[in-house]
Amino acid sequence: MANSPQAKKRARQIERRTAVNKSRRTRIRGFLRKVEEAISGGDQAVAADALKAAQPEIMRGVTKGIWHKKTASRKVSRLSARVKAMSA
């Protein structure tokens, strides 16, 4: 349990940051889910649009510290490869 005033303040700050990060992570997952559903639906145009909308959200997650840069790049790369493979 936090005893000093500084430790109590840090506990409050962590609680606030956790809530913000959780909502950001959920938002990113929602965009990823839309891309996945579009890919499984089989419509390449819809999937490409969903990916185009998801890409800036994923990279925003990097700048906000939700994901590592390489993790986000890997996810975008794999999703774009799957969307591109739908045309073949």
C-alpha atoms as a PDB file:
ATOM      1  CA  MET A   1       0.000   0.000   0.000  1.00  0.00           C
ATOM      2  CA  ALA A   2       1.237   3.488  -0.846  1.00  0.00           C
ATOM      3  CA  ASN A   3       2.227   5.423   2.262  1.00  0.00           C
ATOM      4  CA  SER A   4       4.042   8.551   1.152  1.00  0.00           C
ATOM      5  CA  PRO A   5       2.176  11.349  -0.619  1.00  0.00           C
ATOM      6  CA  GLN A   6       4.344  10.831  -3.692  1.00  0.00           C
ATOM      7  CA  ALA A   7       3.534   7.115  -3.817  1.00  0.00           C
ATOM      8  CA  LYS A   8      -0.186   7.889  -3.467  1.00  0.00           C
ATOM      9  CA  LYS A   9       0.016  10.391  -6.315  1.00  0.00           C
ATOM     10  CA  ARG A  10       1.885   7.891  -8.518  1.00  0.00           C
ATOM     11  CA  ALA A  11      -0.810   5.289  -7.814  1.00  0.00           C
ATOM     12  CA  ARG A  12      -3.495   7.763  -8.946  1.00  0.00           C
ATOM     13  CA  GLN A  13      -1.519   8.628 -12.088  1.00  0.00           C
ATOM     14  CA  ILE A  14      -1.005   4.960 -12.961  1.00  0.00           C
ATOM     15  CA  GLU A  15      -4.724   4.331 -12.598  1.00  0.00           C
ATOM     16  CA  ARG A  16      -5.534   7.176 -15.016  1.00  0.00           C
ATOM     17  CA  ARG A  17      -2.881   6.124 -17.550  1.00  0.00           C
ATOM     18  CA  THR A  18      -4.078   2.518 -17.416  1.00  0.00           C
ATOM     19  CA  ALA A  19      -7.623   3.571 -18.290  1.00  0.00           C
ATOM     20  CA  VAL A  20      -6.415   5.702 -21.217  1.00  0.00           C
ATOM     21  CA  ASN A  21      -4.115   2.987 -22.556  1.00  0.00           C
ATOM     22  CA  LYS A  22      -6.851   0.383 -22.233  1.00  0.00           C
ATOM     23  CA  SER A  23      -9.259   2.435 -24.325  1.00  0.00           C
ATOM     24  CA  ARG A  24      -6.604   3.078 -26.969  1.00  0.00           C
ATOM     25  CA  ARG A  25      -5.724  -0.620 -27.148  1.00  0.00           C
ATOM     26  CA  THR A  26      -9.417  -1.516 -27.506  1.00  0.00           C
ATOM     27  CA  ARG A  27      -9.848   1.046 -30.276  1.00  0.00           C
ATOM     28  CA  ILE A  28      -6.905  -0.392 -32.228  1.00  0.00           C
ATOM     29  CA  ARG A  29      -8.232  -3.925 -31.811  1.00  0.00           C
ATOM     30  CA  GLY A  30     -11.567  -2.791 -33.214  1.00  0.00           C
ATOM     31  CA  PHE A  31      -9.891  -1.499 -36.363  1.00  0.00           C
ATOM     32  CA  LEU A  32      -7.928  -4.749 -36.702  1.00  0.00           C
ATOM     33  CA  ARG A  33     -11.120  -6.757 -36.266  1.00  0.00           C
ATOM     34  CA  LYS A  34     -12.782  -4.834 -39.110  1.00  0.00           C
ATOM     35  CA  VAL A  35      -9.881  -5.682 -41.415  1.00  0.00           C
ATOM     36  CA  GLU A  36      -9.988  -9.362 -40.404  1.00  0.00           C
ATOM     37  CA  GLU A  37     -13.742  -9.539 -40.993  1.00  0.00           C
ATOM     38  CA  ALA A  38     -13.385  -7.889 -44.399  1.00  0.00           C
ATOM     39  CA  ILE A  39     -10.665 -10.373 -45.367  1.00  0.00           C
ATOM     40  CA  SER A  40     -12.764 -13.346 -44.262  1.00  0.00           C
ATOM     41  CA  GLY A  41     -15.749 -11.812 -46.075  1.00  0.00           C
ATOM     42  CA  GLY A  42     -13.820 -12.050 -49.322  1.00  0.00           C
ATOM     43  CA  ASP A  43     -14.349  -8.514 -50.625  1.00  0.00           C
ATOM     44  CA  GLN A  44     -10.969  -7.022 -51.457  1.00  0.00           C
ATOM     45  CA  ALA A  45     -12.210  -3.436 -51.876  1.00  0.00           C
ATOM     46  CA  VAL A  46     -13.778  -3.420 -48.410  1.00  0.00           C
ATOM     47  CA  ALA A  47     -10.675  -5.054 -46.931  1.00  0.00           C
ATOM     48  CA  ALA A  48      -8.404  -2.482 -48.564  1.00  0.00           C
ATOM     49  CA  ASP A  49     -10.528   0.379 -47.223  1.00  0.00           C
ATOM     50  CA  ALA A  50     -10.538  -1.155 -43.736  1.00  0.00           C
ATOM     51  CA  LEU A  51      -6.758  -1.539 -43.857  1.00  0.00           C
ATOM     52  CA  LYS A  52      -6.350   2.056 -45.024  1.00  0.00           C
ATOM     53  CA  ALA A  53      -8.393   3.200 -42.012  1.00  0.00           C
ATOM     54  CA  ALA A  54      -6.575   0.884 -39.596  1.00  0.00           C
ATOM     55  CA  GLN A  55      -3.028   1.797 -40.586  1.00  0.00           C
ATOM     56  CA  PRO A  56      -2.911   5.307 -39.048  1.00  0.00           C
ATOM     57  CA  GLU A  57      -4.606   4.032 -35.886  1.00  0.00           C
ATOM     58  CA  ILE A  58      -2.001   1.309 -35.501  1.00  0.00           C
ATOM     59  CA  MET A  59       0.845   3.784 -35.975  1.00  0.00           C
ATOM     60  CA  ARG A  60      -0.799   6.198 -33.544  1.00  0.00           C
ATOM     61  CA  GLY A  61      -0.650   3.352 -31.029  1.00  0.00           C
ATOM     62  CA  VAL A  62       3.107   3.311 -31.551  1.00  0.00           C
ATOM     63  CA  THR A  63       3.487   7.025 -30.817  1.00  0.00           C
ATOM     64  CA  LYS A  64       1.323   6.669 -27.701  1.00  0.00           C
ATOM     65  CA  GLY A  65       3.382   3.754 -26.400  1.00  0.00           C
ATOM     66  CA  ILE A  66       0.717   1.077 -26.799  1.00  0.00           C
ATOM     67  CA  TRP A  67       2.781  -1.053 -29.181  1.00  0.00           C
ATOM     68  CA  HIS A  68       6.393  -1.266 -30.234  1.00  0.00           C
ATOM     69  CA  LYS A  69       7.146   0.144 -33.687  1.00  0.00           C
ATOM     70  CA  LYS A  70       8.252  -3.179 -35.134  1.00  0.00           C
ATOM     71  CA  THR A  71       5.173  -4.957 -33.788  1.00  0.00           C
ATOM     72  CA  ALA A  72       2.911  -2.457 -35.522  1.00  0.00           C
ATOM     73  CA  SER A  73       4.913  -2.631 -38.751  1.00  0.00           C
ATOM     74  CA  ARG A  74       4.741  -6.422 -38.718  1.00  0.00           C
ATOM     75  CA  LYS A  75       0.966  -6.390 -38.233  1.00  0.00           C
ATOM     76  CA  VAL A  76       0.418  -3.850 -41.012  1.00  0.00           C
ATOM     77  CA  SER A  77       2.721  -5.768 -43.337  1.00  0.00           C
ATOM     78  CA  ARG A  78       0.990  -9.106 -42.747  1.00  0.00           C
ATOM     79  CA  LEU A  79      -2.468  -7.611 -43.123  1.00  0.00           C
ATOM     80  CA  SER A  80      -1.547  -5.817 -46.345  1.00  0.00           C
ATOM     81  CA  ALA A  81      -0.051  -9.031 -47.733  1.00  0.00           C
ATOM     82  CA  ARG A  82      -3.286 -10.878 -46.966  1.00  0.00           C
ATOM     83  CA  VAL A  83      -5.373  -8.144 -48.598  1.00  0.00           C
ATOM     84  CA  LYS A  84      -3.115  -8.159 -51.652  1.00  0.00           C
ATOM     85  CA  ALA A  85      -3.313 -11.963 -51.893  1.00  0.00           C
ATOM     86  CA  MET A  86      -7.099 -11.757 -52.180  1.00  0.00           C
ATOM     87  CA  SER A  87      -6.829 -10.490 -55.770  1.00  0.00           C
ATOM     88  CA  ALA A  88      -4.727 -13.449 -56.912  1.00  0.00           C
END
